Protein backbone atom coordinates (compact mmCIF):
# COMPACT_ATOMS: atom_id res chain seq x y z
CA MET A 1 -29.51 -3.09 4.73
CA LYS A 2 -25.52 -1.98 5.30
CA LYS A 3 -24.64 1.35 3.53
CA TYR A 4 -21.15 2.14 1.98
CA SER A 5 -20.38 5.58 2.39
CA TYR A 6 -18.14 6.58 -0.60
CA ILE A 7 -15.68 9.35 -2.09
CA ILE A 8 -14.43 9.71 -5.60
CA VAL A 9 -10.85 11.14 -5.58
CA ASP A 10 -10.50 12.20 -9.44
CA ASP A 11 -9.24 15.40 -11.66
CA ASP A 12 -11.75 14.34 -14.36
CA ALA A 13 -15.19 15.69 -13.55
CA GLU A 14 -16.54 13.30 -16.26
CA SER A 15 -15.23 10.65 -14.83
CA ILE A 16 -16.88 11.88 -11.46
CA LEU A 17 -19.97 12.31 -12.66
CA LYS A 18 -19.56 8.03 -14.95
CA THR A 19 -18.11 6.94 -11.83
CA LYS A 20 -21.45 8.44 -9.30
CA THR A 21 -23.89 7.82 -11.84
CA THR A 22 -23.09 3.88 -12.59
CA ALA A 23 -22.42 3.39 -8.32
CA ALA A 24 -26.27 5.67 -7.64
CA GLY A 25 -27.61 2.00 -9.49
CA PHE A 26 -26.53 0.33 -6.61
CA SER A 27 -28.72 0.97 -3.06
CA GLU A 28 -25.58 -0.27 -0.79
CA LEU A 29 -23.75 2.64 -1.65
CA SER A 30 -23.83 6.68 -0.19
CA PHE A 31 -22.16 9.19 -1.94
CA THR A 32 -20.66 11.49 0.26
CA ALA A 33 -18.43 14.09 -1.65
CA SER A 34 -15.83 14.24 -4.08
CA ALA A 35 -12.61 16.16 -4.98
CA SER A 36 -10.25 16.77 -8.17
CA ASN A 37 -6.73 16.94 -6.24
CA PHE A 38 -5.03 15.23 -3.52
CA GLN A 39 -4.84 17.34 -0.60
CA GLU A 40 -8.73 18.04 -1.29
CA GLY A 41 -9.07 14.23 -1.42
CA LEU A 42 -7.16 13.38 1.71
CA ASN A 43 -9.16 16.16 3.71
CA LEU A 44 -12.43 14.72 2.58
CA VAL A 45 -11.42 11.61 3.70
CA LEU A 46 -10.45 12.72 7.12
CA GLU A 47 -13.40 14.69 7.49
CA HIS A 48 -15.72 12.27 6.46
CA LYS A 49 -14.21 8.50 7.64
CA PRO A 50 -16.15 7.20 4.23
CA SER A 51 -16.39 3.52 4.06
CA LEU A 52 -14.99 3.49 0.24
CA VAL A 53 -12.74 5.81 -2.24
CA PHE A 54 -12.54 5.08 -5.90
CA LEU A 55 -9.53 7.02 -6.12
CA GLU A 56 -7.95 7.60 -9.53
CA ILE A 57 -4.35 7.37 -9.85
CA ASP A 58 -2.99 8.21 -13.44
CA PRO A 59 -4.81 11.80 -13.58
CA LYS A 60 -4.76 13.70 -16.67
CA ASN A 61 -3.80 16.92 -14.83
CA LYS A 62 0.09 16.26 -12.57
CA ALA A 63 -0.56 19.10 -10.87
CA SER A 64 -3.77 17.07 -8.54
CA GLU A 65 -0.60 14.74 -7.75
CA LEU A 66 -2.56 11.85 -7.76
CA SER A 67 -1.36 8.25 -7.30
CA LEU A 68 -1.10 5.39 -5.04
CA ALA A 69 0.92 7.95 -2.52
CA PHE A 70 -2.72 9.06 -1.01
CA ILE A 71 -3.10 5.36 0.25
CA SER A 72 0.29 5.81 1.97
CA GLU A 73 -0.61 9.37 3.66
CA LEU A 74 -3.87 7.45 4.63
CA HIS A 75 -2.28 4.87 6.78
CA ARG A 76 -0.40 8.37 8.45
CA PHE A 77 -3.64 8.91 9.80
CA PHE A 78 -5.70 6.08 10.40
CA GLN A 79 -4.80 2.60 12.49
CA GLU A 80 -7.46 0.88 9.49
CA ILE A 81 -8.16 3.26 6.17
CA PRO A 82 -11.24 3.11 3.70
CA LYS A 83 -11.53 0.52 0.98
CA ILE A 84 -9.61 1.51 -2.04
CA ILE A 85 -10.82 1.08 -5.61
CA ILE A 86 -8.96 2.37 -8.01
CA THR A 87 -10.50 3.87 -11.14
CA THR A 88 -8.09 4.28 -13.56
CA ASN A 89 -7.95 3.54 -17.21
CA LYS A 90 -4.40 2.44 -17.84
CA LYS A 91 -3.87 -1.81 -17.02
CA ASP A 92 0.08 -0.78 -16.36
CA LYS A 93 -0.84 0.07 -12.61
CA ALA A 94 -2.56 -2.75 -11.17
CA PHE A 95 0.73 -4.72 -10.39
CA ASP A 96 1.91 -1.31 -8.00
CA ALA A 97 -1.96 -1.08 -6.46
CA ILE A 98 -2.28 -4.79 -5.01
CA GLN A 99 0.97 -3.88 -3.24
CA TYR A 100 -1.18 -1.02 -1.65
CA GLY A 101 -3.37 -3.57 -0.67
CA VAL A 102 -6.20 -2.31 -2.80
CA PHE A 103 -9.34 -3.42 -2.27
CA ASP A 104 -10.25 -3.21 -5.85
CA TYR A 105 -9.03 -2.20 -9.21
CA ILE A 106 -11.63 -1.05 -12.49
CA LEU A 107 -10.48 0.18 -15.93
CA LYS A 108 -12.38 3.13 -17.08
CA PRO A 109 -14.93 3.72 -18.33
CA VAL A 110 -16.45 2.28 -14.98
CA ALA A 111 -19.00 -0.43 -15.96
CA HIS A 112 -22.32 -1.61 -14.08
CA VAL A 113 -20.88 -5.33 -13.87
CA ASP A 114 -17.47 -4.14 -12.15
CA PHE A 115 -19.48 -2.22 -9.40
CA LEU A 116 -21.75 -5.21 -8.75
CA LYS A 117 -18.53 -7.60 -8.28
CA SER A 118 -16.99 -4.83 -6.17
CA VAL A 119 -20.71 -4.56 -3.99
CA LEU A 120 -20.43 -8.64 -3.67
CA ARG A 121 -17.01 -8.29 -2.12
CA LEU A 122 -18.05 -6.26 0.41
CA LYS A 123 -21.29 -7.79 1.34
CA LYS A 124 -18.25 -11.57 1.50
CA ALA A 125 -16.04 -9.14 3.43
CA ASN A 126 -18.75 -7.52 5.67
CA LEU A 127 -17.42 -4.30 5.65
CA ASP A 128 -17.12 -1.59 8.97
CA SER A 129 -17.78 1.17 8.47
CA LYS A 130 -17.57 2.60 11.32
CA THR A 131 -15.56 5.77 12.57
CA PRO A 132 -11.49 4.51 11.72
CA GLN A 133 -10.27 4.36 15.52
CA PHE A 134 -6.84 5.49 16.38
CA ILE A 135 -5.06 3.30 17.83
CA GLU A 136 -2.42 1.09 17.95
CA GLU A 137 -2.90 -2.54 18.17
CA PRO A 138 0.07 -5.39 17.08
CA THR A 139 -0.87 -7.94 15.15
CA SER A 140 2.05 -10.42 13.96
CA ILE A 141 3.09 -12.56 10.70
CA VAL A 142 4.84 -16.01 11.47
CA ILE A 143 7.63 -17.26 9.74
CA ASP A 144 7.90 -20.94 9.68
CA ASN A 145 11.44 -21.84 8.78
CA VAL A 146 10.18 -25.84 9.89
CA ASN A 147 6.46 -25.70 7.87
CA ASN A 148 4.16 -22.75 6.86
CA VAL A 149 3.35 -19.41 6.65
CA THR A 150 0.34 -17.89 8.61
CA ILE A 151 -0.71 -14.36 7.70
CA PRO A 152 -2.80 -12.31 9.52
CA GLN A 153 -6.21 -10.99 7.89
CA ASN A 154 -5.22 -7.03 8.42
CA VAL A 155 -1.57 -6.28 7.99
CA GLU A 156 -2.45 -2.22 8.68
CA LYS A 157 -1.70 -2.72 12.31
CA PRO A 158 1.92 -2.38 13.65
CA LEU A 159 3.07 -5.26 12.87
CA THR A 160 5.37 -8.22 14.37
CA ILE A 161 7.08 -10.75 12.24
CA CYS A 162 8.21 -13.88 14.11
CA ILE A 163 10.71 -15.95 12.65
CA LYS A 164 10.40 -19.37 13.92
CA SER A 165 11.94 -22.74 13.70
CA TYR A 166 12.24 -25.44 16.26
CA GLY A 167 10.66 -24.20 18.75
CA ASP A 168 12.64 -21.22 18.95
CA TYR A 169 10.85 -18.41 18.44
CA ARG A 170 12.50 -14.97 17.11
CA TYR A 171 10.44 -11.75 17.49
CA LEU A 172 10.94 -8.73 15.02
CA ASN A 173 9.77 -5.26 15.34
CA ALA A 174 8.58 -5.12 11.21
CA ALA A 175 9.19 -1.25 11.41
CA ASP A 176 12.81 -2.16 12.85
CA ILE A 177 13.94 -4.34 9.23
CA CYS A 178 15.38 -1.91 6.62
CA TYR A 179 16.02 -4.26 4.18
CA PHE A 180 15.66 -8.27 2.73
CA GLN A 181 18.55 -9.68 0.94
CA ALA A 182 17.88 -12.83 -0.67
CA ASP A 183 20.42 -15.75 -0.44
CA ASN A 184 19.86 -18.62 -2.33
CA ASN A 185 16.40 -20.62 -0.92
CA SER A 186 17.32 -17.83 2.33
CA THR A 187 16.30 -14.69 3.03
CA ASP A 188 18.69 -12.46 5.16
CA ILE A 189 16.95 -9.71 7.16
CA TYR A 190 18.63 -6.48 8.29
CA LEU A 191 17.76 -4.67 11.14
CA ASN A 192 18.54 -1.38 11.66
CA THR A 193 20.29 -1.91 14.88
CA GLY A 194 23.10 -3.23 12.43
CA GLU A 195 22.13 -6.84 13.32
CA MET A 196 21.45 -9.43 10.55
CA ILE A 197 18.70 -12.40 10.86
CA THR A 198 18.76 -15.32 8.62
CA ALA A 199 14.61 -16.99 7.72
CA PHE A 200 14.43 -19.82 5.70
CA LYS A 201 12.47 -18.86 3.30
CA THR A 202 12.55 -16.85 -0.31
CA LEU A 203 12.51 -13.38 -0.94
CA LYS A 204 9.89 -13.42 -3.09
CA HIS A 205 7.89 -15.25 0.03
CA PHE A 206 8.67 -12.36 1.73
CA GLU A 207 7.40 -10.30 -1.22
CA SER A 208 4.42 -11.76 -1.62
CA VAL A 209 3.43 -11.40 2.42
CA LEU A 210 4.69 -7.77 3.46
CA THR A 211 3.04 -4.55 1.81
CA TYR A 212 4.28 -1.12 1.89
CA PRO A 213 6.11 0.32 3.20
CA PHE A 214 8.29 -3.04 2.20
CA ILE A 215 8.90 -2.55 -1.83
CA ARG A 216 11.01 -4.79 -4.30
CA ILE A 217 13.74 -2.39 -5.57
CA HIS A 218 15.42 -5.89 -7.20
CA ASN A 219 16.17 -8.82 -7.78
CA SER A 220 18.06 -9.33 -4.26
CA TYR A 221 16.54 -6.95 -2.44
CA VAL A 222 12.98 -5.84 -0.72
CA ILE A 223 14.12 -2.66 0.98
CA ASN A 224 11.99 -0.78 3.76
CA ARG A 225 10.84 2.72 2.39
CA ASN A 226 11.26 4.05 5.77
CA TYR A 227 15.05 4.27 5.59
CA ILE A 228 15.99 5.01 2.44
CA ALA A 229 17.99 8.14 3.15
CA ARG A 230 19.17 8.77 -0.60
CA ILE A 231 18.58 7.52 -4.25
CA HIS A 232 20.86 8.12 -6.81
CA SER A 233 19.16 7.44 -9.99
CA GLY A 234 22.27 7.91 -12.21
CA ASN A 235 24.19 5.36 -10.54
CA SER A 236 20.75 3.18 -9.78
CA ILE A 237 21.51 2.98 -5.75
CA CYS A 238 19.34 3.70 -2.55
CA TYR A 239 21.54 4.44 0.10
CA ILE A 240 20.41 3.29 3.76
CA LYS A 241 19.93 5.64 7.07
CA ASN A 242 22.66 5.41 9.09
CA SER A 243 24.54 3.09 7.06
CA SER A 244 26.87 2.51 4.38
CA LYS A 245 25.11 0.14 2.52
CA LYS A 246 24.61 1.45 -1.10
CA ILE A 247 21.32 -1.19 -2.27
CA PRO A 248 21.17 -0.72 -6.18
CA PHE A 249 18.03 -1.24 -8.03
CA SER A 250 17.47 -2.55 -11.56
CA LYS A 251 15.20 -1.50 -14.38
CA THR A 252 12.50 -4.62 -13.93
CA TYR A 253 11.86 -2.27 -10.50
CA LYS A 254 12.72 1.11 -11.66
CA THR A 255 8.47 1.70 -11.00
CA ASN A 256 8.77 0.70 -7.73
CA VAL A 257 11.23 3.35 -6.97
CA ASP A 258 9.93 6.10 -8.72
CA GLN A 259 6.72 5.46 -6.22
CA ILE A 260 8.91 5.72 -3.52
CA ILE A 261 10.69 9.60 -4.78
CA SER A 262 6.86 10.19 -5.82
CA ASP A 263 5.76 9.02 -2.27
CA PHE A 264 8.54 11.32 -0.61
CA ALA A 265 7.58 14.11 -2.83
CA ALA A 266 3.61 13.68 -1.99
CA GLY A 267 4.88 14.12 2.23
CA ASN A 268 5.83 17.26 4.16
CA TYR A 269 8.23 17.72 1.99
CA LEU A 270 11.02 20.60 0.74
CA GLU A 271 13.20 20.60 -2.02
CA ILE A 272 15.90 22.59 -2.57
């Protein structure tokens, strides 16, 4: 029987115990360790490379720095990160968690039936629990301007986006895209070279097929977090690196902007 090693990252000792106790009812799950803050959790994952991480993203103690930014940090080190299962008290962060590609979202107090569903999904997905490899292997999304979209199963690898139209294949490195701007039923794609390319798909379509670091901040914009040079909360504006472009963000997506700010603060960061 396949075993799935797991680590619990939670600032609440009682919650850690409850999660561990519930998981103990499944012979497929093998406890490795637990941590109560961001850095300890990161160190444990890097050291043990578990199959699963049970992660709290709304901690009681804000000094623990636990948030979805933990997932972003894992992407810095692994080509394929462990499966992330969010365990938290609130439903309101579920949408944000989905944008980060989490495997499951379980509300506390964790219940046996929720674990059962996750374990069954793991088996169905035939999770590979071998050590993640530090390699880069291109994958691609084809945005077909004529027909449909082909979405890869693993978008954690360096991504190539192909804008396809009547036999014309235009290949873009996702990492070179600064932002997407809606233009009625099409979308303008702006590159770090200053070039603009139009794809005949809606912005909502791109939002649905792309994951972090692409984040929607306005009805008309999806932005690449890596090209943000400045965020002015008072004016509700994001500034793009090496550009005079100012992109507005709306109240509807303020949570996403707050998450971007948290992501920056969780990295190698000095605030003056």
